[in-house]
PDB file of N, CA and C in Angstrom:
ATOM      1  N   MET A   1     -18.370  22.992 -25.876  1.00  0.00           N
ATOM      2  CA  MET A   1     -18.795  22.905 -24.776  1.00  0.00           C
ATOM      3  C   MET A   1     -19.528  23.566 -23.717  1.00  0.00           C
ATOM      4  N   ASP A   2     -21.097  23.589 -23.900  1.00  0.00           N
ATOM      5  CA  ASP A   2     -21.859  24.008 -23.127  1.00  0.00           C
ATOM      6  C   ASP A   2     -21.989  23.506 -21.420  1.00  0.00           C
ATOM      7  N   LYS A   3     -22.738  23.621 -20.810  1.00  0.00           N
ATOM      8  CA  LYS A   3     -22.492  23.569 -18.865  1.00  0.00           C
ATOM      9  C   LYS A   3     -22.777  21.985 -18.940  1.00  0.00           C
ATOM     10  N   ASP A   4     -23.939  21.778 -19.650  1.00  0.00           N
ATOM     11  CA  ASP A   4     -24.530  20.221 -19.186  1.00  0.00           C
ATOM     12  C   ASP A   4     -23.514  18.967 -19.782  1.00  0.00           C
ATOM     13  N   GLU A   5     -23.005  19.421 -21.049  1.00  0.00           N
ATOM     14  CA  GLU A   5     -21.896  18.583 -21.449  1.00  0.00           C
ATOM     15  C   GLU A   5     -20.538  18.326 -20.807  1.00  0.00           C
ATOM     16  N   ILE A   6     -20.254  19.361 -19.645  1.00  0.00           N
ATOM     17  CA  ILE A   6     -19.128  19.321 -19.292  1.00  0.00           C
ATOM     18  C   ILE A   6     -19.286  18.548 -18.185  1.00  0.00           C
ATOM     19  N   LEU A   7     -20.639  19.060 -17.295  1.00  0.00           N
ATOM     20  CA  LEU A   7     -21.038  18.362 -16.080  1.00  0.00           C
ATOM     21  C   LEU A   7     -20.940  16.683 -16.363  1.00  0.00           C
ATOM     22  N   GLU A   8     -21.535  16.033 -17.747  1.00  0.00           N
ATOM     23  CA  GLU A   8     -22.029  15.114 -18.189  1.00  0.00           C
ATOM     24  C   GLU A   8     -20.769  14.154 -18.355  1.00  0.00           C
ATOM     25  N   LYS A   9     -19.722  14.944 -18.830  1.00  0.00           N
ATOM     26  CA  LYS A   9     -18.351  14.534 -19.111  1.00  0.00           C
ATOM     27  C   LYS A   9     -17.670  14.059 -17.921  1.00  0.00           C
ATOM     28  N   SER A  10     -17.916  14.824 -17.073  1.00  0.00           N
ATOM     29  CA  SER A  10     -16.828  14.796 -15.660  1.00  0.00           C
ATOM     30  C   SER A  10     -17.799  13.636 -14.765  1.00  0.00           C
ATOM     31  N   ARG A  11     -19.078  13.681 -15.014  1.00  0.00           N
ATOM     32  CA  ARG A  11     -19.640  12.650 -14.377  1.00  0.00           C
ATOM     33  C   ARG A  11     -19.379  11.111 -14.661  1.00  0.00           C
ATOM     34  N   ARG A  12     -18.920  11.170 -16.165  1.00  0.00           N
ATOM     35  CA  ARG A  12     -18.298  10.187 -16.578  1.00  0.00           C
ATOM     36  C   ARG A  12     -17.033   9.710 -16.175  1.00  0.00           C
ATOM     37  N   ASP A  13     -16.252  10.298 -16.159  1.00  0.00           N
ATOM     38  CA  ASP A  13     -14.721  10.142 -16.090  1.00  0.00           C
ATOM     39  C   ASP A  13     -14.953   9.889 -14.493  1.00  0.00           C
ATOM     40  N   GLY A  14     -15.299  10.738 -13.782  1.00  0.00           N
ATOM     41  CA  GLY A  14     -14.757  10.676 -12.398  1.00  0.00           C
ATOM     42  C   GLY A  14     -16.182   9.469 -11.348  1.00  0.00           C
ATOM     43  N   GLY A  15     -16.805   8.716 -12.121  1.00  0.00           N
ATOM     44  CA  GLY A  15     -17.987   8.367 -11.671  1.00  0.00           C
ATOM     45  C   GLY A  15     -19.324   9.016 -10.848  1.00  0.00           C
ATOM     46  N   GLU A  16     -19.420   9.163 -10.030  1.00  0.00           N
ATOM     47  CA  GLU A  16     -20.290   9.808  -8.261  1.00  0.00           C
ATOM     48  C   GLU A  16     -19.275  10.942  -7.728  1.00  0.00           C
ATOM     49  N   ALA A  17     -18.209  10.294  -7.652  1.00  0.00           N
ATOM     50  CA  ALA A  17     -17.476  11.273  -6.791  1.00  0.00           C
ATOM     51  C   ALA A  17     -17.120  12.624  -7.260  1.00  0.00           C
ATOM     52  N   ASP A  18     -17.079  13.728  -6.445  1.00  0.00           N
ATOM     53  CA  ASP A  18     -16.926  14.617  -6.586  1.00  0.00           C
ATOM     54  C   ASP A  18     -14.769  14.582  -6.530  1.00  0.00           C
ATOM     55  N   GLU A  19     -14.943  15.654  -7.018  1.00  0.00           N
ATOM     56  CA  GLU A  19     -13.064  15.900  -7.193  1.00  0.00           C
ATOM     57  C   GLU A  19     -12.620  16.214  -5.411  1.00  0.00           C
ATOM     58  N   ARG A  20     -13.223  16.563  -4.945  1.00  0.00           N
ATOM     59  CA  ARG A  20     -12.702  17.281  -3.123  1.00  0.00           C
ATOM     60  C   ARG A  20     -12.670  15.509  -2.989  1.00  0.00           C
ATOM     61  N   PHE A  21     -13.875  14.656  -2.975  1.00  0.00           N
ATOM     62  CA  PHE A  21     -13.866  13.587  -2.206  1.00  0.00           C
ATOM     63  C   PHE A  21     -12.641  12.839  -2.837  1.00  0.00           C
ATOM     64  N   THR A  22     -12.230  12.988  -4.147  1.00  0.00           N
ATOM     65  CA  THR A  22     -11.019  12.235  -4.561  1.00  0.00           C
ATOM     66  C   THR A  22      -9.973  12.505  -3.820  1.00  0.00           C
ATOM     67  N   MET A  23      -9.962  13.807  -4.138  1.00  0.00           N
ATOM     68  CA  MET A  23      -8.736  14.489  -3.149  1.00  0.00           C
ATOM     69  C   MET A  23      -8.743  13.596  -1.949  1.00  0.00           C
ATOM     70  N   MET A  24      -9.356  13.905  -1.230  1.00  0.00           N
ATOM     71  CA  MET A  24      -9.725  13.655   0.379  1.00  0.00           C
ATOM     72  C   MET A  24      -9.223  12.077   0.426  1.00  0.00           C
ATOM     73  N   GLU A  25      -9.905  10.676  -0.281  1.00  0.00           N
ATOM     74  CA  GLU A  25      -9.291   9.878  -0.070  1.00  0.00           C
ATOM     75  C   GLU A  25      -7.356   9.796  -0.778  1.00  0.00           C
ATOM     76  N   GLN A  26      -7.446  10.683  -1.605  1.00  0.00           N
ATOM     77  CA  GLN A  26      -5.741   9.987  -2.511  1.00  0.00           C
ATOM     78  C   GLN A  26      -5.008  10.574  -0.805  1.00  0.00           C
ATOM     79  N   ARG A  27      -5.118  11.886  -0.064  1.00  0.00           N
ATOM     80  CA  ARG A  27      -4.620  12.030   0.788  1.00  0.00           C
ATOM     81  C   ARG A  27      -4.939  11.142   2.401  1.00  0.00           C
ATOM     82  N   MET A  28      -6.081  10.656   2.519  1.00  0.00           N
ATOM     83  CA  MET A  28      -5.984   9.691   3.778  1.00  0.00           C
ATOM     84  C   MET A  28      -5.198   8.427   3.484  1.00  0.00           C
ATOM     85  N   GLY A  29      -5.230   8.197   2.123  1.00  0.00           N
ATOM     86  CA  GLY A  29      -4.394   7.024   1.807  1.00  0.00           C
ATOM     87  C   GLY A  29      -2.599   7.563   1.910  1.00  0.00           C
ATOM     88  N   LEU A  30      -2.313   8.522   1.809  1.00  0.00           N
ATOM     89  CA  LEU A  30      -0.620   9.053   1.949  1.00  0.00           C
ATOM     90  C   LEU A  30      -0.638   8.979   3.460  1.00  0.00           C
ATOM     91  N   ILE A  31      -1.705   9.780   3.777  1.00  0.00           N
ATOM     92  CA  ILE A  31      -1.403   9.852   6.143  1.00  0.00           C
ATOM     93  C   ILE A  31      -1.351   8.379   6.492  1.00  0.00           C
ATOM     94  N   ALA A  32      -2.593   7.448   6.125  1.00  0.00           N
ATOM     95  CA  ALA A  32      -2.044   6.311   6.531  1.00  0.00           C
ATOM     96  C   ALA A  32      -0.813   5.412   6.502  1.00  0.00           C
ATOM     97  N   MET A  33      -0.258   5.940   5.406  1.00  0.00           N
ATOM     98  CA  MET A  33       0.989   4.940   4.776  1.00  0.00           C
ATOM     99  C   MET A  33       1.802   5.210   5.811  1.00  0.00           C
ATOM    100  N   SER A  34       2.050   7.102   5.777  1.00  0.00           N
ATOM    101  CA  SER A  34       2.998   7.847   6.200  1.00  0.00           C
ATOM    102  C   SER A  34       2.674   6.802   7.369  1.00  0.00           C
ATOM    103  N   ALA A  35       1.942   7.035   8.563  1.00  0.00           N
ATOM    104  CA  ALA A  35       1.753   6.876   9.889  1.00  0.00           C
ATOM    105  C   ALA A  35       2.110   5.097   9.941  1.00  0.00           C
ATOM    106  N   ALA A  36       1.770   4.323   9.056  1.00  0.00           N
ATOM    107  CA  ALA A  36       1.932   3.050   9.022  1.00  0.00           C
ATOM    108  C   ALA A  36       3.884   2.885   8.916  1.00  0.00           C
ATOM    109  N   ALA A  37       4.250   3.288   8.126  1.00  0.00           N
ATOM    110  CA  ALA A  37       5.634   3.058   7.842  1.00  0.00           C
ATOM    111  C   ALA A  37       6.472   3.714   8.982  1.00  0.00           C
ATOM    112  N   ALA A  38       6.070   4.944   9.489  1.00  0.00           N
ATOM    113  CA  ALA A  38       6.618   5.183  10.853  1.00  0.00           C
ATOM    114  C   ALA A  38       6.480   4.076  12.122  1.00  0.00           C
ATOM    115  N   ALA A  39       5.003   3.698  11.977  1.00  0.00           N
ATOM    116  CA  ALA A  39       5.368   2.667  13.111  1.00  0.00           C
ATOM    117  C   ALA A  39       5.680   1.779  12.972  1.00  0.00           C
ATOM    118  N   PHE A  40       6.161   1.298  11.966  1.00  0.00           N
ATOM    119  CA  PHE A  40       7.261   0.033  11.448  1.00  0.00           C
ATOM    120  C   PHE A  40       8.478   0.562  11.906  1.00  0.00           C
ATOM    121  N   CYS A  41       8.840   2.061  11.452  1.00  0.00           N
ATOM    122  CA  CYS A  41       9.912   1.938  11.530  1.00  0.00           C
ATOM    123  C   CYS A  41      10.445   2.814  13.231  1.00  0.00           C
ATOM    124  N   LEU A  42       9.554   2.690  13.872  1.00  0.00           N
ATOM    125  CA  LEU A  42       9.845   2.898  15.447  1.00  0.00           C
ATOM    126  C   LEU A  42       9.747   1.034  16.023  1.00  0.00           C
ATOM    127  N   LEU A  43       8.957   0.683  15.428  1.00  0.00           N
ATOM    128  CA  LEU A  43       8.833  -0.725  16.334  1.00  0.00           C
ATOM    129  C   LEU A  43      10.661  -2.084  15.884  1.00  0.00           C
ATOM    130  N   TYR A  44      10.219  -1.196  14.654  1.00  0.00           N
ATOM    131  CA  TYR A  44      11.690  -2.487  13.910  1.00  0.00           C
ATOM    132  C   TYR A  44      12.830  -1.506  14.806  1.00  0.00           C
ATOM    133  N   ALA A  45      13.303  -0.905  15.265  1.00  0.00           N
ATOM    134  CA  ALA A  45      14.361  -0.074  15.567  1.00  0.00           C
ATOM    135  C   ALA A  45      14.411  -0.897  17.563  1.00  0.00           C
ATOM    136  N   TRP A  46      13.123  -0.568  18.352  1.00  0.00           N
ATOM    137  CA  TRP A  46      12.973  -0.786  19.112  1.00  0.00           C
ATOM    138  C   TRP A  46      12.751  -2.714  19.538  1.00  0.00           C
ATOM    139  N   ASP A  47      12.710  -3.261  18.158  1.00  0.00           N
ATOM    140  CA  ASP A  47      12.982  -4.533  18.275  1.00  0.00           C
ATOM    141  C   ASP A  47      14.435  -5.371  18.335  1.00  0.00           C
ATOM    142  N   PHE A  48      15.483  -4.659  17.106  1.00  0.00           N
ATOM    143  CA  PHE A  48      16.230  -4.615  16.846  1.00  0.00           C
ATOM    144  C   PHE A  48      17.093  -4.279  17.794  1.00  0.00           C
ATOM    145  N   PHE A  49      17.310  -3.061  18.083  1.00  0.00           N
ATOM    146  CA  PHE A  49      17.875  -2.557  19.208  1.00  0.00           C
ATOM    147  C   PHE A  49      17.876  -3.937  20.591  1.00  0.00           C
ATOM    148  N   HIS A  50      17.123  -4.435  20.739  1.00  0.00           N
ATOM    149  CA  HIS A  50      16.569  -5.017  21.814  1.00  0.00           C
ATOM    150  C   HIS A  50      16.800  -6.868  21.190  1.00  0.00           C
ATOM    151  N   GLY A  51      17.227  -6.702  20.576  1.00  0.00           N
ATOM    152  CA  GLY A  51      17.886  -8.309  19.995  1.00  0.00           C
ATOM    153  C   GLY A  51      16.195  -9.041  19.685  1.00  0.00           C
ATOM    154  N   GLN A  52      15.139  -8.409  19.515  1.00  0.00           N
ATOM    155  CA  GLN A  52      14.451  -9.271  19.069  1.00  0.00           C
ATOM    156  C   GLN A  52      14.268  -9.952  17.502  1.00  0.00           C
ATOM    157  N   ASN A  53      13.105 -10.262  16.735  1.00  0.00           N
ATOM    158  CA  ASN A  53      13.428 -11.168  15.880  1.00  0.00           C
ATOM    159  C   ASN A  53      12.564 -10.307  14.922  1.00  0.00           C
ATOM    160  N   THR A  54      12.924  -9.821  14.145  1.00  0.00           N
ATOM    161  CA  THR A  54      12.286  -8.641  13.422  1.00  0.00           C
ATOM    162  C   THR A  54      11.712  -8.877  12.010  1.00  0.00           C
ATOM    163  N   ASP A  55      11.429  -9.833  11.940  1.00  0.00           N
ATOM    164  CA  ASP A  55      10.764 -10.951  10.531  1.00  0.00           C
ATOM    165  C   ASP A  55       9.304 -10.821  10.264  1.00  0.00           C
ATOM    166  N   GLY A  56       8.648 -10.834  11.749  1.00  0.00           N
ATOM    167  CA  GLY A  56       7.423 -10.493  11.618  1.00  0.00           C
ATOM    168  C   GLY A  56       6.860  -9.116  10.964  1.00  0.00           C
ATOM    169  N   LEU A  57       7.684  -7.890  11.898  1.00  0.00           N
ATOM    170  CA  LEU A  57       7.319  -6.810  10.811  1.00  0.00           C
ATOM    171  C   LEU A  57       7.794  -6.276   9.847  1.00  0.00           C
ATOM    172  N   PHE A  58       8.275  -7.368   9.115  1.00  0.00           N
ATOM    173  CA  PHE A  58       9.199  -6.939   7.925  1.00  0.00           C
ATOM    174  C   PHE A  58       7.443  -8.043   6.654  1.00  0.00           C
ATOM    175  N   ALA A  59       7.490  -9.134   7.715  1.00  0.00           N
ATOM    176  CA  ALA A  59       6.037  -9.224   6.467  1.00  0.00           C
ATOM    177  C   ALA A  59       4.792  -8.743   6.623  1.00  0.00           C
ATOM    178  N   VAL A  60       4.859  -8.185   8.047  1.00  0.00           N
ATOM    179  CA  VAL A  60       3.545  -7.321   8.013  1.00  0.00           C
ATOM    180  C   VAL A  60       3.531  -6.160   6.781  1.00  0.00           C
ATOM    181  N   PHE A  61       4.911  -5.296   6.775  1.00  0.00           N
ATOM    182  CA  PHE A  61       4.988  -4.199   6.010  1.00  0.00           C
ATOM    183  C   PHE A  61       5.208  -4.335   4.618  1.00  0.00           C
ATOM    184  N   PHE A  62       5.730  -6.199   3.938  1.00  0.00           N
ATOM    185  CA  PHE A  62       5.430  -6.487   2.762  1.00  0.00           C
ATOM    186  C   PHE A  62       4.398  -6.601   2.289  1.00  0.00           C
ATOM    187  N   ILE A  63       3.108  -7.113   2.899  1.00  0.00           N
ATOM    188  CA  ILE A  63       1.988  -7.742   2.618  1.00  0.00           C
ATOM    189  C   ILE A  63       1.124  -6.346   2.518  1.00  0.00           C
ATOM    190  N   GLY A  64       1.434  -4.766   3.258  1.00  0.00           N
ATOM    191  CA  GLY A  64       0.603  -4.301   2.417  1.00  0.00           C
ATOM    192  C   GLY A  64       1.196  -3.270   1.242  1.00  0.00           C
ATOM    193  N   LEU A  65       2.883  -3.503   1.317  1.00  0.00           N
ATOM    194  CA  LEU A  65       3.037  -2.659  -0.221  1.00  0.00           C
ATOM    195  C   LEU A  65       2.644  -3.934  -1.307  1.00  0.00           C
ATOM    196  N   THR A  66       2.789  -5.026  -0.725  1.00  0.00           N
ATOM    197  CA  THR A  66       2.309  -5.997  -2.071  1.00  0.00           C
ATOM    198  C   THR A  66       0.844  -5.793  -2.382  1.00  0.00           C
ATOM    199  N   THR A  67      -0.428  -5.806  -1.435  1.00  0.00           N
ATOM    200  CA  THR A  67      -1.282  -5.208  -1.746  1.00  0.00           C
ATOM    201  C   THR A  67      -1.627  -3.631  -2.269  1.00  0.00           C
ATOM    202  N   MET A  68      -1.172  -2.968  -2.091  1.00  0.00           N
ATOM    203  CA  MET A  68      -0.945  -1.524  -2.720  1.00  0.00           C
ATOM    204  C   MET A  68      -0.487  -1.968  -4.145  1.00  0.00           C
ATOM    205  N   CYS A  69       0.815  -2.508  -4.266  1.00  0.00           N
ATOM    206  CA  CYS A  69       1.228  -2.562  -5.615  1.00  0.00           C
ATOM    207  C   CYS A  69       0.395  -2.953  -6.385  1.00  0.00           C
ATOM    208  N   LEU A  70      -0.100  -4.411  -6.000  1.00  0.00           N
ATOM    209  CA  LEU A  70      -1.425  -5.333  -7.147  1.00  0.00           C
ATOM    210  C   LEU A  70      -2.630  -4.552  -7.471  1.00  0.00           C
ATOM    211  N   TYR A  71      -2.916  -3.718  -6.087  1.00  0.00           N
ATOM    212  CA  TYR A  71      -4.858  -3.227  -6.576  1.00  0.00           C
ATOM    213  C   TYR A  71      -4.260  -1.890  -7.696  1.00  0.00           C
ATOM    214  N   ARG A  72      -2.796  -1.164  -7.250  1.00  0.00           N
ATOM    215  CA  ARG A  72      -2.634  -0.095  -8.209  1.00  0.00           C
ATOM    216  C   ARG A  72      -2.606  -0.581  -9.719  1.00  0.00           C
ATOM    217  N   PHE A  73      -1.701  -2.165  -9.694  1.00  0.00           N
ATOM    218  CA  PHE A  73      -2.029  -3.198 -11.053  1.00  0.00           C
ATOM    219  C   PHE A  73      -2.852  -3.373 -11.775  1.00  0.00           C
ATOM    220  N   TYR A  74      -4.100  -3.326 -10.880  1.00  0.00           N
ATOM    221  CA  TYR A  74      -5.202  -3.876 -11.141  1.00  0.00           C
ATOM    222  C   TYR A  74      -5.918  -2.390 -11.770  1.00  0.00           C
ATOM    223  N   GLN A  75      -5.911  -1.068 -10.849  1.00  0.00           N
ATOM    224  CA  GLN A  75      -6.722  -0.152 -11.352  1.00  0.00           C
ATOM    225  C   GLN A  75      -6.060   0.481 -12.627  1.00  0.00           C
ATOM    226  N   LEU A  76      -4.576   0.572 -12.862  1.00  0.00           N
ATOM    227  CA  LEU A  76      -3.711   1.332 -13.537  1.00  0.00           C
ATOM    228  C   LEU A  76      -3.300   0.289 -14.879  1.00  0.00           C
ATOM    229  N   ARG A  77      -2.689  -1.261 -14.578  1.00  0.00           N
ATOM    230  CA  ARG A  77      -2.468  -1.931 -15.371  1.00  0.00           C
ATOM    231  C   ARG A  77      -1.017  -1.625 -16.373  1.00  0.00           C
ATOM    232  N   MET A  78      -0.553  -1.190 -14.922  1.00  0.00           N
ATOM    233  CA  MET A  78       1.168  -0.904 -15.335  1.00  0.00           C
ATOM    234  C   MET A  78       1.523  -2.057 -15.048  1.00  0.00           C
ATOM    235  N   LYS A  79       3.036  -2.577 -15.890  1.00  0.00           N
ATOM    236  CA  LYS A  79       3.364  -3.718 -15.990  1.00  0.00           C
ATOM    237  C   LYS A  79       4.685  -3.283 -14.474  1.00  0.00           C
ATOM    238  N   SER A  80       4.970  -2.541 -14.126  1.00  0.00           N
ATOM    239  CA  SER A  80       6.132  -1.993 -13.212  1.00  0.00           C
ATOM    240  C   SER A  80       5.786  -2.382 -11.782  1.00  0.00           C
ATOM    241  N   LEU A  81       3.867  -1.787 -11.569  1.00  0.00           N
ATOM    242  CA  LEU A  81       3.422  -2.160 -10.314  1.00  0.00           C
ATOM    243  C   LEU A  81       3.373  -4.094  -9.866  1.00  0.00           C
ATOM    244  N   LEU A  82       2.838  -4.648 -11.150  1.00  0.00           N
ATOM    245  CA  LEU A  82       2.780  -5.760 -11.310  1.00  0.00           C
ATOM    246  C   LEU A  82       4.054  -6.807 -10.740  1.00  0.00           C
ATOM    247  N   PHE A  83       5.297  -6.161 -11.396  1.00  0.00           N
ATOM    248  CA  PHE A  83       6.733  -6.739 -10.943  1.00  0.00           C
ATOM    249  C   PHE A  83       6.785  -6.184  -9.626  1.00  0.00           C
ATOM    250  N   GLY A  84       6.299  -4.949  -9.132  1.00  0.00           N
ATOM    251  CA  GLY A  84       6.686  -4.351  -7.612  1.00  0.00           C
ATOM    252  C   GLY A  84       5.860  -5.383  -6.796  1.00  0.00           C
ATOM    253  N   GLY A  85       4.587  -5.570  -7.210  1.00  0.00           N
ATOM    254  CA  GLY A  85       3.720  -6.629  -6.387  1.00  0.00           C
ATOM    255  C   GLY A  85       4.342  -7.735  -5.998  1.00  0.00           C
ATOM    256  N   LEU A  86       4.776  -8.406  -6.973  1.00  0.00           N
ATOM    257  CA  LEU A  86       5.277  -9.838  -7.228  1.00  0.00           C
ATOM    258  C   LEU A  86       6.491  -9.885  -6.154  1.00  0.00           C
ATOM    259  N   PHE A  87       7.469  -8.881  -6.604  1.00  0.00           N
ATOM    260  CA  PHE A  87       8.859  -8.639  -5.955  1.00  0.00           C
ATOM    261  C   PHE A  87       9.005  -8.530  -4.120  1.00  0.00           C
ATOM    262  N   THR A  88       7.470  -7.685  -4.021  1.00  0.00           N
ATOM    263  CA  THR A  88       7.482  -7.347  -2.229  1.00  0.00           C
ATOM    264  C   THR A  88       6.623  -8.884  -1.487  1.00  0.00           C
ATOM    265  N   GLY A  89       6.104  -9.614  -2.599  1.00  0.00           N
ATOM    266  CA  GLY A  89       4.758 -11.113  -1.930  1.00  0.00           C
ATOM    267  C   GLY A  89       5.802 -11.343  -1.279  1.00  0.00           C
ATOM    268  N   PHE A  90       7.003 -11.866  -2.800  1.00  0.00           N
ATOM    269  CA  PHE A  90       7.850 -13.053  -2.530  1.00  0.00           C
ATOM    270  C   PHE A  90       9.159 -12.258  -1.350  1.00  0.00           C
ATOM    271  N   PHE A  91       9.037 -11.476  -0.681  1.00  0.00           N
ATOM    272  CA  PHE A  91       9.852 -11.053   0.581  1.00  0.00           C
ATOM    273  C   PHE A  91       8.654 -11.181   1.439  1.00  0.00           C
ATOM    274  N   ALA A  92       7.278 -10.733   1.422  1.00  0.00           N
ATOM    275  CA  ALA A  92       6.496 -10.643   2.502  1.00  0.00           C
ATOM    276  C   ALA A  92       6.423 -12.346   2.958  1.00  0.00           C
ATOM    277  N   VAL A  93       6.058 -13.507   1.830  1.00  0.00           N
ATOM    278  CA  VAL A  93       6.297 -15.114   2.567  1.00  0.00           C
ATOM    279  C   VAL A  93       7.608 -15.186   2.945  1.00  0.00           C
ATOM    280  N   TYR A  94       8.556 -14.782   2.039  1.00  0.00           N
ATOM    281  CA  TYR A  94      10.101 -15.340   2.671  1.00  0.00           C
ATOM    282  C   TYR A  94       9.832 -14.791   4.262  1.00  0.00           C
ATOM    283  N   SER A  95       9.717 -13.532   4.610  1.00  0.00           N
ATOM    284  CA  SER A  95       9.639 -12.784   5.544  1.00  0.00           C
ATOM    285  C   SER A  95       8.814 -13.336   6.939  1.00  0.00           C
ATOM    286  N   ALA A  96       7.514 -13.913   6.780  1.00  0.00           N
ATOM    287  CA  ALA A  96       7.037 -14.546   7.263  1.00  0.00           C
ATOM    288  C   ALA A  96       7.012 -16.045   7.144  1.00  0.00           C
ATOM    289  N   VAL A  97       7.886 -17.048   6.640  1.00  0.00           N
ATOM    290  CA  VAL A  97       8.442 -18.116   6.880  1.00  0.00           C
ATOM    291  C   VAL A  97       9.573 -17.883   7.837  1.00  0.00           C
ATOM    292  N   GLN A  98      10.426 -17.141   7.917  1.00  0.00           N
ATOM    293  CA  GLN A  98      11.515 -16.878   8.542  1.00  0.00           C
ATOM    294  C   GLN A  98      10.950 -16.466   9.867  1.00  0.00           C
ATOM    295  N   TYR A  99       9.975 -15.353  10.050  1.00  0.00           N
ATOM    296  CA  TYR A  99       9.157 -15.823  11.311  1.00  0.00           C
ATOM    297  C   TYR A  99       9.160 -16.809  12.037  1.00  0.00           C
ATOM    298  N   ILE A 100       7.964 -17.611  11.022  1.00  0.00           N
ATOM    299  CA  ILE A 100       7.716 -18.570  11.650  1.00  0.00           C
ATOM    300  C   ILE A 100       8.600 -19.942  12.368  1.00  0.00           C
ATOM    301  N   LEU A 101       9.578 -20.197  11.394  1.00  0.00           N
ATOM    302  CA  LEU A 101      10.825 -20.782  11.459  1.00  0.00           C
ATOM    303  C   LEU A 101      11.463 -20.033  13.426  1.00  0.00           C
ATOM    304  N   ALA A 102      11.463 -18.912  12.701  1.00  0.00           N
ATOM    305  CA  ALA A 102      12.282 -18.560  14.198  1.00  0.00           C
ATOM    306  C   ALA A 102      11.534 -18.687  15.343  1.00  0.00           C
ATOM    307  N   THR A 103      10.176 -18.609  15.720  1.00  0.00           N
ATOM    308  CA  THR A 103       9.168 -18.810  16.886  1.00  0.00           C
ATOM    309  C   THR A 103       9.132 -19.900  17.230  1.00  0.00           C
ATOM    310  N   MET A 104       9.406 -21.280  16.493  1.00  0.00           N
ATOM    311  CA  MET A 104       9.022 -22.250  16.889  1.00  0.00           C
ATOM    312  C   MET A 104      10.094 -22.735  17.708  1.00  0.00           C
TER     313      MET A 104
END
């Protein structure tokens, strides 16, 4: 393959985004999820030790996991991601219902 063929194949495989941009997006997603998980843990611990209802936090956390799993399933077509999305989706709905019932 010459240089032009390699560049053309790279553009077809990666779209218009270069490898650096793709790596930055992946790292951004990892950092964002890590920050959200840390915030969830801190808020959960605070509410738990102060006797507050924690189902609302679980609902938000599981909605994020559900969205992530289902989007990855859409992109990669892996059945385990579909199962994970449905499983966490069930817990998101369950936690939301529990929170609503507890605060009525």
